[in-house]
Amino acid sequence: MWILVVVLLVALMVPITAILLDSPLGRSMARRLEPDGGAAGTGGGGGVRQLERRLEVLETDLEELNRSVAGMREELQFVQRLLEDPTRKNRPS
């Protein structure tokens, strides 16, 4: 019985892990785990390179958030139109 539970648990963890890794949160975590490519050991320029990299990450995250907000705005407008006049579709033009 325990073997069946373990197999089911592993089988369910695979898609959950894939969903989490493909999400914006997973991508953000992956970017943070990437090595700097030796930028930290170059002396005074390392701090500037790290700041540039963080700025690029923040800009990418901001673009993703803007796209997400725009999509939600369109969905909200669609739902509001449906709620305002649900019989509009049945009217003759």
C-alpha atoms as a PDB file:
ATOM      1  CA  MET A   1       0.000   0.000   0.000  1.00  0.00           C
ATOM      2  CA  TRP A   2       2.827   2.412   0.862  1.00  0.00           C
ATOM      3  CA  ILE A   3       4.460   1.737  -2.486  1.00  0.00           C
ATOM      4  CA  LEU A   4       1.280   2.828  -4.261  1.00  0.00           C
ATOM      5  CA  VAL A   5       1.180   6.034  -2.204  1.00  0.00           C
ATOM      6  CA  VAL A   6       4.820   6.813  -2.992  1.00  0.00           C
ATOM      7  CA  VAL A   7       4.297   6.144  -6.724  1.00  0.00           C
ATOM      8  CA  LEU A   8       1.216   8.388  -6.787  1.00  0.00           C
ATOM      9  CA  LEU A   9       3.047  11.101  -4.883  1.00  0.00           C
ATOM     10  CA  VAL A  10       5.963  11.038  -7.327  1.00  0.00           C
ATOM     11  CA  ALA A  11       3.598  10.947 -10.306  1.00  0.00           C
ATOM     12  CA  LEU A  12       1.758  14.021  -9.020  1.00  0.00           C
ATOM     13  CA  MET A  13       4.936  15.921  -8.159  1.00  0.00           C
ATOM     14  CA  VAL A  14       6.219  15.791 -11.748  1.00  0.00           C
ATOM     15  CA  PRO A  15       3.471  18.000 -13.287  1.00  0.00           C
ATOM     16  CA  ILE A  16       3.375  20.269 -10.229  1.00  0.00           C
ATOM     17  CA  THR A  17       7.127  20.837 -10.497  1.00  0.00           C
ATOM     18  CA  ALA A  18       6.847  21.486 -14.240  1.00  0.00           C
ATOM     19  CA  ILE A  19       4.090  24.057 -13.673  1.00  0.00           C
ATOM     20  CA  LEU A  20       6.071  25.837 -10.959  1.00  0.00           C
ATOM     21  CA  LEU A  21       9.274  25.929 -13.006  1.00  0.00           C
ATOM     22  CA  ASP A  22       7.470  27.320 -16.047  1.00  0.00           C
ATOM     23  CA  SER A  23       5.752  30.062 -14.050  1.00  0.00           C
ATOM     24  CA  PRO A  24       7.146  33.601 -13.728  1.00  0.00           C
ATOM     25  CA  LEU A  25       8.127  32.764 -10.154  1.00  0.00           C
ATOM     26  CA  GLY A  26      10.154  29.767 -11.329  1.00  0.00           C
ATOM     27  CA  ARG A  27      11.866  31.814 -14.048  1.00  0.00           C
ATOM     28  CA  SER A  28      12.708  34.526 -11.531  1.00  0.00           C
ATOM     29  CA  MET A  29      14.234  31.989  -9.158  1.00  0.00           C
ATOM     30  CA  ALA A  30      16.230  30.437 -11.997  1.00  0.00           C
ATOM     31  CA  ARG A  31      17.625  33.844 -12.991  1.00  0.00           C
ATOM     32  CA  ARG A  32      18.748  34.456  -9.415  1.00  0.00           C
ATOM     33  CA  LEU A  33      20.509  31.085  -9.281  1.00  0.00           C
ATOM     34  CA  GLU A  34      22.448  31.649 -12.511  1.00  0.00           C
ATOM     35  CA  PRO A  35      26.133  32.405 -12.007  1.00  0.00           C
ATOM     36  CA  ASP A  36      27.328  35.938 -12.751  1.00  0.00           C
ATOM     37  CA  GLY A  37      29.911  34.675 -15.193  1.00  0.00           C
ATOM     38  CA  GLY A  38      32.808  35.854 -13.027  1.00  0.00           C
ATOM     39  CA  ALA A  39      31.571  39.436 -12.780  1.00  0.00           C
ATOM     40  CA  ALA A  40      31.851  39.454  -8.981  1.00  0.00           C
ATOM     41  CA  GLY A  41      35.592  38.760  -9.001  1.00  0.00           C
ATOM     42  CA  THR A  42      36.604  41.594 -11.347  1.00  0.00           C
ATOM     43  CA  GLY A  43      37.110  44.191  -8.632  1.00  0.00           C
ATOM     44  CA  GLY A  44      35.316  47.551  -8.747  1.00  0.00           C
ATOM     45  CA  GLY A  45      33.347  46.805 -11.921  1.00  0.00           C
ATOM     46  CA  GLY A  46      31.702  43.751 -10.374  1.00  0.00           C
ATOM     47  CA  GLY A  47      29.251  45.799  -8.352  1.00  0.00           C
ATOM     48  CA  VAL A  48      28.189  47.785 -11.401  1.00  0.00           C
ATOM     49  CA  ARG A  49      27.722  44.612 -13.436  1.00  0.00           C
ATOM     50  CA  GLN A  50      25.622  43.066 -10.687  1.00  0.00           C
ATOM     51  CA  LEU A  51      23.456  46.189 -10.565  1.00  0.00           C
ATOM     52  CA  GLU A  52      23.075  46.136 -14.349  1.00  0.00           C
ATOM     53  CA  ARG A  53      22.055  42.498 -14.209  1.00  0.00           C
ATOM     54  CA  ARG A  54      19.538  43.162 -11.427  1.00  0.00           C
ATOM     55  CA  LEU A  55      18.133  46.077 -13.416  1.00  0.00           C
ATOM     56  CA  GLU A  56      17.686  43.833 -16.470  1.00  0.00           C
ATOM     57  CA  VAL A  57      15.907  41.233 -14.338  1.00  0.00           C
ATOM     58  CA  LEU A  58      13.625  43.873 -12.847  1.00  0.00           C
ATOM     59  CA  GLU A  59      12.830  45.299 -16.287  1.00  0.00           C
ATOM     60  CA  THR A  60      11.982  41.829 -17.589  1.00  0.00           C
ATOM     61  CA  ASP A  61       9.749  41.153 -14.588  1.00  0.00           C
ATOM     62  CA  LEU A  62       8.067  44.532 -15.073  1.00  0.00           C
ATOM     63  CA  GLU A  63       7.357  43.749 -18.736  1.00  0.00           C
ATOM     64  CA  GLU A  64       5.823  40.395 -17.760  1.00  0.00           C
ATOM     65  CA  LEU A  65       3.674  42.091 -15.131  1.00  0.00           C
ATOM     66  CA  ASN A  66       2.529  44.751 -17.620  1.00  0.00           C
ATOM     67  CA  ARG A  67       1.486  42.045 -20.092  1.00  0.00           C
ATOM     68  CA  SER A  68      -0.352  40.204 -17.350  1.00  0.00           C
ATOM     69  CA  VAL A  69      -2.160  43.347 -16.183  1.00  0.00           C
ATOM     70  CA  ALA A  70      -3.137  44.215 -19.764  1.00  0.00           C
ATOM     71  CA  GLY A  71      -4.593  40.732 -20.245  1.00  0.00           C
ATOM     72  CA  MET A  72      -6.529  40.971 -16.994  1.00  0.00           C
ATOM     73  CA  ARG A  73      -7.820  44.410 -17.984  1.00  0.00           C
ATOM     74  CA  GLU A  74      -9.149  43.025 -21.277  1.00  0.00           C
ATOM     75  CA  GLU A  75     -10.806  40.106 -19.476  1.00  0.00           C
ATOM     76  CA  LEU A  76     -12.390  42.468 -16.951  1.00  0.00           C
ATOM     77  CA  GLN A  77     -13.754  44.711 -19.714  1.00  0.00           C
ATOM     78  CA  PHE A  78     -15.224  41.674 -21.470  1.00  0.00           C
ATOM     79  CA  VAL A  79     -16.928  40.468 -18.295  1.00  0.00           C
ATOM     80  CA  GLN A  80     -18.220  43.961 -17.543  1.00  0.00           C
ATOM     81  CA  ARG A  81     -19.749  44.185 -21.041  1.00  0.00           C
ATOM     82  CA  LEU A  82     -21.439  40.834 -20.502  1.00  0.00           C
ATOM     83  CA  LEU A  83     -22.779  41.882 -17.117  1.00  0.00           C
ATOM     84  CA  GLU A  84     -24.012  45.258 -18.335  1.00  0.00           C
ATOM     85  CA  ASP A  85     -26.121  43.930 -21.200  1.00  0.00           C
ATOM     86  CA  PRO A  86     -26.264  40.133 -21.530  1.00  0.00           C
ATOM     87  CA  THR A  87     -29.052  40.300 -24.148  1.00  0.00           C
ATOM     88  CA  ARG A  88     -27.096  42.474 -26.549  1.00  0.00           C
ATOM     89  CA  LYS A  89     -25.973  39.383 -28.461  1.00  0.00           C
ATOM     90  CA  ASN A  90     -29.591  38.403 -29.212  1.00  0.00           C
ATOM     91  CA  ARG A  91     -30.657  41.808 -30.575  1.00  0.00           C
ATOM     92  CA  PRO A  92     -31.024  42.159 -34.358  1.00  0.00           C
ATOM     93  CA  SER A  93     -28.449  44.445 -35.915  1.00  0.00           C
END
